[in-house]
């Protein structure tokens, strides 16, 4: 079993809300709970273009902070792998049109607290996951305030198979070897 921390390739694009009205929504939600009511007309725009985006290279997954935003190709490719563990929040990008922010709703208490190592600022330096858990393709953990997203092999295999661009996931745990 391998687990990656979901991260984004900053050489593509990052996004922001077009209206400041949505920042409270963004910060209050996306902690593992299903969002009952939200504005389905939320508009976003590119806030930063990295070197690949500046050269005109397209990606399939954008980011807004630590929140993944799937363009239609990525949503279609990943849907069967993640559908039970996420909520798709529909957004409108001024350049790409309809896209979907992932609200990861699968939260696990899965770290082996006796083996993980912390930095001096109490962030996790070395992740060690419990081995007796059936890990979904995408999830959050209780330990980091339900902020970061983590993915497993089915997710990563789907990303590679479909040649999805925009992620730069970091392998943080492998049950068969020390990282």
Foldseek 3Di string as FASTA:
>chain_A
DWKWWWDWDQQAFAKDWPDPVCPVVVVVALLQDDDDDDDLETEMETDDHHNCVVVVDDAQWYYHVQWIKGQPLLCVLCCVQCVVFWDWRWYQYPPRGTITTTRGNAEEQFFPVVPWDADPVGDTPATHGDDPDDDGQKYAYVVVSSDIMMGDDVNVVSCVVSVGHTIDIGTRDDPVDGD
